[in-house]
Protein backbone atom coordinates (compact mmCIF):
# COMPACT_ATOMS: atom_id res chain seq x y z
CA MET A 1 0.00 0.00 0.00
CA LYS A 2 2.81 2.40 0.88
CA ARG A 3 4.57 1.57 -2.41
CA CYS A 4 1.43 2.42 -4.42
CA LEU A 5 1.06 5.75 -2.64
CA TYR A 6 4.74 6.52 -3.36
CA VAL A 7 4.40 5.80 -7.07
CA LEU A 8 1.23 7.90 -7.25
CA GLY A 9 3.03 10.81 -5.61
CA VAL A 10 5.91 10.64 -8.07
CA LEU A 11 3.51 10.63 -11.04
CA LEU A 12 1.67 13.68 -9.69
CA THR A 13 4.96 15.54 -9.21
CA LEU A 14 6.09 14.79 -12.76
CA SER A 15 2.72 15.88 -14.17
CA VAL A 16 2.91 19.25 -12.39
CA GLU A 17 6.46 19.84 -13.63
CA ALA A 18 5.47 18.95 -17.19
CA PHE A 19 2.52 21.34 -17.04
CA GLN A 20 4.64 24.22 -15.75
CA ARG A 21 7.51 23.57 -18.18
CA PRO A 22 7.41 25.37 -21.60
CA ASN A 23 7.30 23.25 -24.77
CA LEU A 24 10.53 21.73 -26.02
CA GLN A 25 10.73 23.84 -29.18
CA ASP A 26 10.49 27.12 -27.24
CA GLU A 27 13.11 25.87 -24.82
CA ALA A 28 15.43 24.87 -27.63
CA MET A 29 15.01 28.24 -29.32
CA GLN A 30 15.68 29.98 -26.03
CA ARG A 31 18.87 27.99 -25.49
CA ALA A 32 19.98 28.67 -29.08
CA GLY A 33 19.40 32.39 -28.60
CA GLU A 34 21.40 32.44 -25.38
CA ALA A 35 24.24 30.56 -27.05
CA ALA A 36 24.21 32.99 -29.96
CA GLN A 37 24.39 35.94 -27.56
CA ARG A 38 27.36 34.39 -25.79
CA ARG A 39 29.18 33.81 -29.09
CA ARG A 40 28.49 37.33 -30.29
CA ALA A 41 29.81 38.72 -27.01
CA ALA A 42 32.92 36.57 -27.36
CA ARG A 43 33.53 37.75 -30.93
CA HIS A 44 33.28 41.39 -29.88
CA THR A 45 36.03 40.86 -27.26
CA GLN A 46 38.44 39.23 -29.76
CA PRO A 47 40.96 41.36 -31.73
CA ALA A 48 40.19 42.08 -35.37
CA GLU A 49 41.74 39.89 -38.06
CA PRO A 50 44.77 41.50 -39.68
CA THR A 51 43.84 40.67 -43.31
CA SER A 52 41.05 42.27 -45.31
CA ALA A 53 40.39 38.97 -47.09
CA SER A 54 39.22 37.38 -43.83
CA GLN A 55 37.02 40.31 -43.04
CA SER A 56 35.33 40.28 -46.45
CA SER A 57 34.78 36.51 -46.41
CA THR A 58 33.04 36.56 -43.01
CA SER A 59 31.05 39.78 -43.39
CA THR A 60 28.02 38.11 -44.90
CA ALA A 61 28.04 35.39 -42.24
CA ALA A 62 28.25 38.02 -39.51
CA GLU A 63 25.19 39.83 -40.93
CA GLN A 64 23.25 36.54 -41.18
CA GLU A 65 23.74 35.04 -37.72
CA ASN A 66 21.24 32.16 -37.83
CA CYS A 67 20.50 29.42 -40.35
CA ALA A 68 17.19 30.29 -42.04
CA VAL A 69 16.21 26.62 -42.18
CA CYS A 70 16.59 25.55 -38.54
CA LEU A 71 16.99 29.03 -36.97
CA GLU A 72 20.10 27.85 -35.09
CA ASP A 73 23.40 29.73 -34.96
CA LEU A 74 25.40 29.34 -38.17
CA GLY A 75 28.69 28.55 -36.48
CA GLU A 76 32.12 29.10 -37.95
CA THR A 77 31.87 27.08 -41.22
CA PRO A 78 28.55 27.85 -42.94
CA ALA A 79 27.64 26.60 -46.43
CA SER A 80 26.74 29.34 -48.93
CA LEU A 81 24.61 29.54 -52.06
CA GLY A 82 25.30 31.56 -55.17
CA CYS A 83 23.08 34.37 -53.90
CA GLY A 84 25.39 34.87 -50.88
CA HIS A 85 23.13 33.48 -48.11
CA HIS A 86 24.57 30.99 -45.60
CA PHE A 87 23.11 27.89 -43.98
CA HIS A 88 24.15 24.76 -42.16
CA GLN A 89 25.44 22.21 -44.66
CA ALA A 90 22.96 19.53 -43.54
CA CYS A 91 20.04 21.98 -43.51
CA ILE A 92 20.56 23.35 -47.00
CA ASP A 93 21.26 19.89 -48.43
CA GLU A 94 17.90 18.70 -47.10
CA TRP A 95 16.15 21.83 -48.39
CA LEU A 96 17.56 21.51 -51.90
CA SER A 97 16.87 17.78 -52.08
CA ARG A 98 13.18 18.46 -51.46
CA GLY A 99 13.03 21.15 -54.14
CA GLY A 100 14.74 19.08 -56.80
CA ALA A 101 16.77 20.60 -59.62
CA ALA A 102 14.68 23.79 -59.58
CA ALA A 103 15.00 24.48 -55.84
CA THR A 104 15.41 28.05 -54.63
CA CYS A 105 17.17 29.84 -51.79
CA PRO A 106 15.04 29.68 -48.59
CA LEU A 107 15.56 33.40 -48.00
CA CYS A 108 15.47 35.24 -51.36
CA ARG A 109 13.92 32.50 -53.55
CA ALA A 110 16.71 32.86 -56.11
CA PRO A 111 16.97 29.74 -58.30
CA GLN A 112 19.61 27.26 -57.22
CA LEU A 113 21.10 26.32 -60.59
CA PRO A 114 23.53 23.58 -61.65
CA GLY A 115 27.10 24.38 -60.59
CA GLU A 116 25.96 26.38 -57.56
CA GLU A 117 25.88 23.54 -55.04
CA PRO A 118 26.45 24.80 -51.48
CA ARG A 119 29.95 24.05 -50.25
CA GLN A 120 31.29 24.18 -46.72
CA ARG A 121 34.50 26.08 -46.21
CA PRO A 122 36.52 27.54 -43.36
CA ALA A 123 35.39 30.97 -42.25
CA GLY A 124 38.58 32.67 -43.36
CA GLN A 125 38.94 30.92 -46.73
CA ARG A 126 37.84 32.47 -49.98
CA ALA A 127 35.13 30.72 -51.98
CA ALA A 128 36.42 28.46 -54.75
CA PRO A 129 35.49 29.46 -58.30
CA GLN A 130 32.12 28.02 -59.32
CA GLN A 131 32.16 25.29 -61.93
CA VAL A 132 30.44 26.09 -65.21
CA PRO A 133 27.42 23.75 -65.58
CA SER A 134 27.43 21.41 -68.55
CA GLN A 135 24.87 21.56 -71.35
CA ALA A 136 23.25 18.35 -70.09
CA GLU A 137 22.93 19.80 -66.58
CA ASN A 138 21.27 22.93 -67.93
CA ASP A 139 18.85 20.89 -70.05
CA ILE A 140 17.84 18.69 -67.12
CA ALA A 141 17.41 21.69 -64.86
CA LEU A 142 15.29 23.42 -67.52
CA ILE A 143 12.81 20.54 -67.66
CA ALA A 144 12.57 20.51 -63.87
CA ALA A 145 12.10 24.28 -63.72
CA VAL A 146 9.28 24.16 -66.30
CA ARG A 147 7.63 21.31 -64.43
CA ASN A 148 7.76 23.36 -61.22
CA HIS A 149 6.47 26.52 -63.00
CA ASN A 150 9.61 28.43 -62.00
CA TYR A 151 9.52 31.15 -64.67
CA ASP A 152 12.58 33.03 -63.41
CA ALA A 153 14.72 29.90 -63.31
CA VAL A 154 13.58 28.98 -66.82
CA ARG A 155 14.61 32.40 -68.13
CA VAL A 156 18.05 32.15 -66.48
CA LEU A 157 18.61 28.65 -67.84
CA LEU A 158 17.56 29.67 -71.35
CA ASP A 159 19.99 32.58 -71.20
CA ARG A 160 22.66 30.06 -70.23
CA GLY A 161 21.92 28.10 -73.40
CA ALA A 162 19.61 25.37 -72.15
CA ASN A 163 17.86 23.61 -75.06
CA PRO A 164 14.03 23.57 -74.81
CA ASN A 165 13.84 20.76 -77.42
CA VAL A 166 16.04 18.14 -75.72
CA ARG A 167 13.96 15.10 -74.76
CA ILE A 168 14.85 13.41 -71.47
CA ALA A 169 12.82 10.47 -70.17
CA GLY A 170 10.24 10.93 -72.91
CA GLY A 171 9.65 14.67 -72.63
CA SER A 172 11.21 18.05 -73.33
CA ALA A 173 10.90 21.35 -71.53
CA PHE A 174 8.57 22.56 -74.26
CA SER A 175 6.33 19.49 -74.05
CA GLN A 176 6.15 19.96 -70.26
CA ALA A 177 4.93 23.54 -70.77
CA VAL A 178 2.25 22.41 -73.25
CA VAL A 179 1.06 19.55 -71.04
CA SER A 180 0.78 21.86 -68.04
CA SER A 181 -1.06 24.50 -70.18
CA ASN A 182 1.39 27.20 -69.06
CA ILE A 183 0.89 29.77 -71.82
CA ASN A 184 3.50 32.24 -70.51
CA MET A 185 6.08 29.47 -70.35
CA ILE A 186 5.12 28.32 -73.88
CA ASN A 187 5.65 31.81 -75.29
CA LEU A 188 8.99 32.16 -73.47
CA LEU A 189 10.25 28.84 -74.83
CA LEU A 190 9.06 29.69 -78.34
CA GLU A 191 11.06 32.92 -78.15
CA HIS A 192 14.14 30.81 -77.38
CA GLY A 193 13.80 28.39 -80.29
CA ALA A 194 11.32 25.75 -79.14
CA ASP A 195 10.32 23.51 -82.07
CA VAL A 196 6.54 23.78 -82.43
CA ASN A 197 6.50 20.84 -84.89
CA ALA A 198 8.53 18.42 -82.78
CA GLY A 199 7.06 14.93 -82.73
CA GLY A 200 6.45 12.98 -79.55
CA PRO A 201 5.24 9.44 -78.84
CA GLN A 202 3.69 7.83 -81.94
CA GLY A 203 4.82 10.84 -83.95
CA ARG A 204 2.18 13.16 -82.51
CA THR A 205 3.03 16.84 -82.42
CA LEU A 206 2.40 19.18 -79.52
CA LEU A 207 -0.48 20.64 -81.53
CA VAL A 208 -2.22 17.29 -81.03
CA THR A 209 -1.39 17.47 -77.31
CA ALA A 210 -3.01 20.90 -77.13
CA VAL A 211 -6.12 19.67 -78.95
CA MET A 212 -6.48 16.71 -76.61
CA GLY A 213 -5.93 18.98 -73.61
CA GLY A 214 -8.84 21.18 -74.68
CA ASN A 215 -7.14 24.49 -73.80
CA VAL A 216 -7.92 27.01 -76.56
CA GLY A 217 -5.30 29.43 -75.20
CA VAL A 218 -2.54 26.86 -75.62
CA LEU A 219 -3.87 26.01 -79.08
CA ASN A 220 -3.79 29.68 -80.10
CA ALA A 221 -0.24 30.07 -78.76
CA LEU A 222 0.97 27.16 -80.89
CA LEU A 223 -0.98 28.19 -83.99
CA GLY A 224 0.58 31.64 -83.75
CA ALA A 225 4.11 30.24 -83.83
CA PRO A 226 6.04 30.80 -87.09
CA GLY A 227 6.36 27.68 -89.21
CA ILE A 228 3.56 25.71 -87.58
CA ASN A 229 2.55 22.69 -89.68
CA VAL A 230 -1.17 22.18 -89.12
CA ASN A 231 -1.24 19.19 -91.48
CA ALA A 232 1.48 17.16 -89.73
CA ARG A 233 0.52 13.47 -89.44
CA ASP A 234 1.26 10.96 -86.70
CA ALA A 235 2.27 7.34 -87.28
CA SER A 236 -1.29 6.38 -88.24
CA GLY A 237 -1.72 9.32 -90.62
CA LYS A 238 -3.93 11.42 -88.35
CA THR A 239 -3.60 15.20 -88.11
CA ALA A 240 -4.50 17.52 -85.25
CA LEU A 241 -7.84 18.13 -86.97
CA PHE A 242 -8.59 14.39 -86.83
CA PHE A 243 -8.03 14.35 -83.07
CA ALA A 244 -10.15 17.48 -82.62
CA VAL A 245 -13.03 15.76 -84.44
CA GLU A 246 -12.58 12.45 -82.63
CA TRP A 247 -12.46 14.14 -79.22
CA GLY A 248 -15.50 16.27 -80.02
CA ASN A 249 -13.58 19.53 -79.52
CA VAL A 250 -15.85 21.91 -81.46
CA ALA A 251 -13.81 25.03 -80.61
CA ALA A 252 -10.59 23.41 -81.83
CA VAL A 253 -12.26 22.23 -85.06
CA ARG A 254 -13.54 25.73 -85.82
CA ARG A 255 -10.16 27.26 -84.99
CA LEU A 256 -8.23 24.80 -87.15
CA CYS A 257 -10.65 25.10 -90.08
CA GLY A 258 -9.96 28.82 -90.17
CA ILE A 259 -6.18 28.41 -90.47
CA GLU A 260 -4.67 29.21 -93.84
CA GLY A 261 -3.35 26.05 -95.49
CA ILE A 262 -5.38 23.55 -93.49
CA ASP A 263 -6.26 20.47 -95.57
CA VAL A 264 -9.70 19.25 -94.51
CA ASN A 265 -9.72 16.47 -97.12
CA LEU A 266 -6.74 14.48 -95.85
CA GLY A 267 -7.52 10.80 -95.35
CA TYR A 268 -5.83 8.36 -93.01
CA GLU A 269 -5.36 4.58 -93.10
CA ASN A 270 -8.19 3.52 -95.46
CA GLY A 271 -8.90 6.99 -96.82
CA THR A 272 -11.32 8.01 -94.09
CA THR A 273 -11.67 11.79 -93.99
CA VAL A 274 -12.44 14.02 -91.02
CA LEU A 275 -15.93 14.59 -92.42
CA MET A 276 -16.55 10.84 -92.36
CA VAL A 277 -15.35 10.72 -88.75
CA ALA A 278 -17.78 13.52 -87.86
CA VAL A 279 -20.63 11.70 -89.65
CA ARG A 280 -19.87 8.51 -87.77
CA SER A 281 -19.94 10.34 -84.43
CA GLY A 282 -23.15 12.18 -85.34
CA ASN A 283 -21.78 15.55 -84.19
CA ILE A 284 -23.75 18.09 -86.22
CA GLN A 285 -21.78 21.08 -84.93
CA ILE A 286 -18.46 19.61 -86.01
CA ALA A 287 -19.86 18.47 -89.37
CA SER A 288 -21.23 21.98 -89.99
CA ALA A 289 -17.84 23.52 -89.15
CA LEU A 290 -16.09 21.15 -91.57
CA LEU A 291 -18.63 21.81 -94.35
CA GLY A 292 -17.92 25.52 -93.97
CA ALA A 293 -14.16 25.07 -94.43
CA ARG A 294 -12.47 26.17 -97.64
CA GLY A 295 -12.00 23.38 -100.19
CA ILE A 296 -14.12 20.74 -98.48
CA ASN A 297 -15.01 17.83 -100.80
CA VAL A 298 -18.16 16.00 -99.68
CA ASN A 299 -17.99 13.42 -102.47
CA LEU A 300 -14.74 11.65 -101.56
CA HIS A 301 -14.85 7.84 -101.28
CA GLU A 302 -13.02 5.89 -98.61
CA ASN A 303 -10.79 3.04 -99.72
CA GLY A 304 -12.73 0.16 -98.19
CA ARG A 305 -16.11 -0.26 -99.84
CA GLY A 306 -15.86 3.09 -101.52
CA ALA A 307 -18.49 4.75 -99.34
CA THR A 308 -19.01 8.49 -99.24
CA ALA A 309 -19.92 10.61 -96.22
CA LEU A 310 -23.57 10.53 -97.35
CA MET A 311 -23.55 6.73 -97.57
CA LEU A 312 -22.08 6.49 -94.08
CA ALA A 313 -24.77 8.83 -92.73
CA ALA A 314 -27.40 6.61 -94.38
CA TYR A 315 -25.73 3.46 -93.03
CA TRP A 316 -25.80 4.77 -89.44
CA GLY A 317 -29.32 6.13 -89.88
CA ARG A 318 -28.37 9.72 -89.03
CA SER A 319 -31.26 11.47 -90.77
CA GLU A 320 -30.24 14.95 -89.55
CA MET A 321 -26.75 14.41 -90.93
CA VAL A 322 -28.24 13.10 -94.20
CA SER A 323 -30.30 16.28 -94.50
CA LEU A 324 -27.25 18.46 -93.73
CA LEU A 325 -25.15 16.76 -96.40
CA LEU A 326 -27.91 16.82 -99.04
CA GLY A 327 -28.10 20.59 -98.60
CA VAL A 328 -24.47 21.04 -99.71
CA PRO A 329 -24.18 22.34 -103.29
CA GLY A 330 -22.69 19.72 -105.59
CA ILE A 331 -23.48 16.72 -103.40
CA GLU A 332 -23.74 13.51 -105.41
CA LYS A 333 -26.85 11.99 -103.88
CA ASN A 334 -26.83 9.00 -106.29
CA ALA A 335 -23.13 8.11 -105.98
CA ILE A 336 -22.43 4.37 -105.78
CA ASP A 337 -19.92 2.33 -103.79
CA ARG A 338 -17.95 -0.67 -105.02
CA ASP A 339 -21.02 -2.90 -104.70
CA GLY A 340 -23.14 -0.51 -106.73
CA ASN A 341 -25.16 0.62 -103.70
CA THR A 342 -26.42 4.18 -103.39
CA ALA A 343 -27.14 5.95 -100.13
CA LEU A 344 -30.85 5.17 -100.70
CA ILE A 345 -30.20 1.44 -101.14
CA VAL A 346 -27.98 1.43 -98.03
CA ALA A 347 -30.65 3.19 -95.94
CA ALA A 348 -33.29 0.69 -97.15
CA MET A 349 -31.04 -2.26 -96.35
CA ARG A 350 -30.47 -0.90 -92.84
CA ASP A 351 -34.18 -0.20 -92.13
CA HIS A 352 -33.63 3.53 -91.57
CA SER A 353 -37.00 5.03 -92.51
CA ALA A 354 -36.10 8.64 -91.62
CA ALA A 355 -32.95 8.54 -93.77
CA VAL A 356 -34.94 7.04 -96.69
CA ASN A 357 -37.51 9.81 -96.35
CA GLN A 358 -34.82 12.53 -96.45
CA LEU A 359 -33.15 11.01 -99.50
CA LEU A 360 -36.47 10.73 -101.35
CA LYS A 361 -37.30 14.32 -100.45
CA TYR A 362 -34.11 15.47 -102.17
CA GLY A 363 -34.84 13.38 -105.27
CA ALA A 364 -32.72 10.25 -104.81
CA ASP A 365 -33.11 7.86 -107.75
CA THR A 366 -35.24 4.81 -106.89
CA THR A 367 -34.48 2.94 -110.13
CA ILE A 368 -30.73 2.40 -109.66
CA ARG A 369 -29.73 -1.24 -109.22
CA ASN A 370 -26.63 -2.49 -107.40
CA SER A 371 -24.26 -5.23 -108.55
CA GLN A 372 -26.79 -7.82 -107.36
CA GLY A 373 -29.51 -6.28 -109.52
CA GLU A 374 -31.47 -4.96 -106.54
CA THR A 375 -33.13 -1.58 -106.18
CA ALA A 376 -33.87 0.18 -102.91
CA LEU A 377 -37.45 -1.19 -103.16
CA ASP A 378 -36.12 -4.72 -103.49
CA ALA A 379 -33.96 -4.23 -100.40
CA ALA A 380 -36.91 -2.87 -98.40
CA GLN A 381 -39.15 -5.75 -99.46
CA ALA A 382 -36.45 -8.25 -98.46
CA LYS A 383 -36.33 -6.60 -95.03
CA GLY A 384 -40.12 -6.60 -94.75
CA ASN A 385 -40.30 -2.93 -93.72
CA GLN A 386 -43.71 -1.94 -95.08
CA ASN A 387 -43.25 1.72 -94.20
CA ILE A 388 -40.14 2.00 -96.38
CA VAL A 389 -41.77 -0.13 -99.10
CA THR A 390 -44.74 2.27 -99.25
CA MET A 391 -42.49 5.33 -99.39
CA LEU A 392 -40.44 3.84 -102.21
CA GLU A 393 -43.50 2.68 -104.18
CA ASN A 394 -45.08 6.12 -103.94
CA ALA A 395 -41.81 7.75 -104.94
CA ALA A 396 -41.48 5.35 -107.89
CA ALA A 397 -45.04 6.12 -109.04
CA ASP A 398 -44.41 9.87 -108.79
CA GLU A 399 -41.19 9.48 -110.73
CA GLU A 400 -42.93 7.51 -113.51
CA ALA A 401 -45.69 10.11 -113.78
CA ARG A 402 -43.06 12.85 -114.00
CA ARG A 403 -41.27 11.02 -116.81
CA ARG A 404 -44.52 10.57 -118.75
CA ARG A 405 -45.14 14.29 -118.59
CA LEU A 406 -41.63 14.95 -119.87
CA ARG A 407 -42.08 12.58 -122.82
CA ARG A 408 -45.44 14.13 -123.67
CA ASP A 409 -44.22 17.74 -123.45
CA PHE A 410 -40.88 17.35 -125.20
CA PHE A 411 -41.06 14.30 -127.41
CA GLU A 412 -44.80 14.03 -128.35
CA PRO A 413 -46.12 17.57 -129.09
CA ALA A 414 -49.81 17.76 -130.13
CA PRO A 415 -50.22 18.56 -133.96
CA ALA A 416 -52.10 21.74 -135.07
CA GLY A 417 -55.59 20.71 -136.42
CA PRO A 418 -58.03 22.50 -138.84
CA SER A 419 -59.89 24.14 -136.01
CA SER A 420 -56.75 25.79 -134.78
CA GLN A 421 -55.86 27.01 -138.29
CA GLY A 422 -59.35 28.50 -138.73
CA GLU A 423 -59.10 30.28 -135.40
CA ALA A 424 -55.78 31.77 -136.48
CA MET A 425 -57.19 33.02 -139.80
CA GLN A 426 -60.22 34.51 -138.02
CA ARG A 427 -58.01 36.39 -135.57
CA SER A 428 -55.90 37.67 -138.47
CA GLY A 429 -59.02 38.98 -140.36
CA GLU A 430 -60.34 40.73 -137.28
CA GLU A 431 -57.03 42.46 -136.78
CA ALA A 432 -57.00 43.68 -140.40
CA GLN A 433 -60.50 45.14 -140.05
CA ARG A 434 -59.49 47.06 -136.93
CA ARG A 435 -56.50 48.59 -138.74
CA ARG A 436 -58.65 49.71 -141.73
CA ALA A 437 -61.30 51.30 -139.46
CA SER A 438 -58.61 53.22 -137.63
CA SER A 439 -57.19 54.50 -140.92
CA ARG A 440 -60.59 55.83 -142.13
CA ARG A 441 -61.09 57.79 -138.93
CA ARG A 442 -57.77 59.59 -139.39
CA SER A 443 -58.12 60.35 -143.21
CA PRO A 444 -60.73 63.28 -143.15
CA GLU A 445 -58.58 65.19 -140.67
CA VAL A 446 -55.55 64.96 -142.85
CA SER A 447 -57.09 65.61 -146.34
CA ALA A 448 -59.97 67.96 -145.39
CA PRO A 449 -60.33 70.90 -147.96
CA LEU A 450 -59.46 74.44 -146.84
CA PRO A 451 -62.31 76.95 -146.40
CA GLY A 452 -63.19 78.84 -149.66
CA ASP A 453 -62.01 76.08 -152.03
């Protein structure tokens, strides 16, 4: 029992002391401050160094008494950065390792560049000449600085000759700026020779990267660069415009279609054009933007079955797209593929009533037969779609009636009979009588005798 009471008393005593004692960090700072005061007092009592070199080498350390990282006294052998600030060697090594190649001074935020590693030296010894960083060191540091958005460090490194186009571990400084959508950094790198047409993985240019990123500002920065190749292809033959269409980036499509020299008719792999890609996706806004581009050809055939954009729209049953394409001047609505199928036959085969209706409205020919000898009506009957069958039968009847009228009006004119000749002679006699009557009314006025004759 006595032992338990003794232990309890000790615990209470320790708890009171811990409560009254300040926290360890404050105590450590207090001790560090007292030690610094003692060292400063000791330095003031010592005689001055006889050489001016010693005085100049320790002046900065005397002005900066504590390490800015740990706030402890610097001591006699501080490590210094290129900016002139001093720190403990272990402290600044840890600080720079956390910041990477683009780390900065803890005090003034000046970039810590290659060749400016902090070195520990005796207080009275002059600093050794700094080593000139190699080209490779500058290039590596440039990529790190761009990645860390350190604009000032990037400018310094570029002035030192760092190459914005060198690729290290799959990326360059310029590609890092584009990926991070840093427009100011992009413009700075372009001013220092960044290659706007450089190819990356799979041969894709940074213009493709900008399109996929969806940042119009980055896209405009690249498109404004001298020498930009907007028609550059990747390994599969796709251009930046292809990716803009595939990714549904309407703003990028409109911007690219307005660029001088853009080729909107380029095909990739099997001859598929960007318009065909837009038709397949069903994006009316993108298709409209492409149709408004200079030089667009809506009648191109892909290399597979020889389908056109209109045939693909009919195949996928995109009636709104069919209507949009049929409204383009010069569209070949009766073009055939390698099997002899027209867009109308394709729509009938695929049971797309709305597409058939649009094609018939614009006068698609119902009599064309494919390589199997089938018309669109035959295809609809084989499918058993009575709605399409009725539309095609009515259209065929209307077309036959129209052709009969043409034959009657142009090839079978009605002959002039006796009754018509008599009517013509009667009208001619009546006209002659009216002229004679008019002449008699005017004659007395002209030939009337003078008074007194």
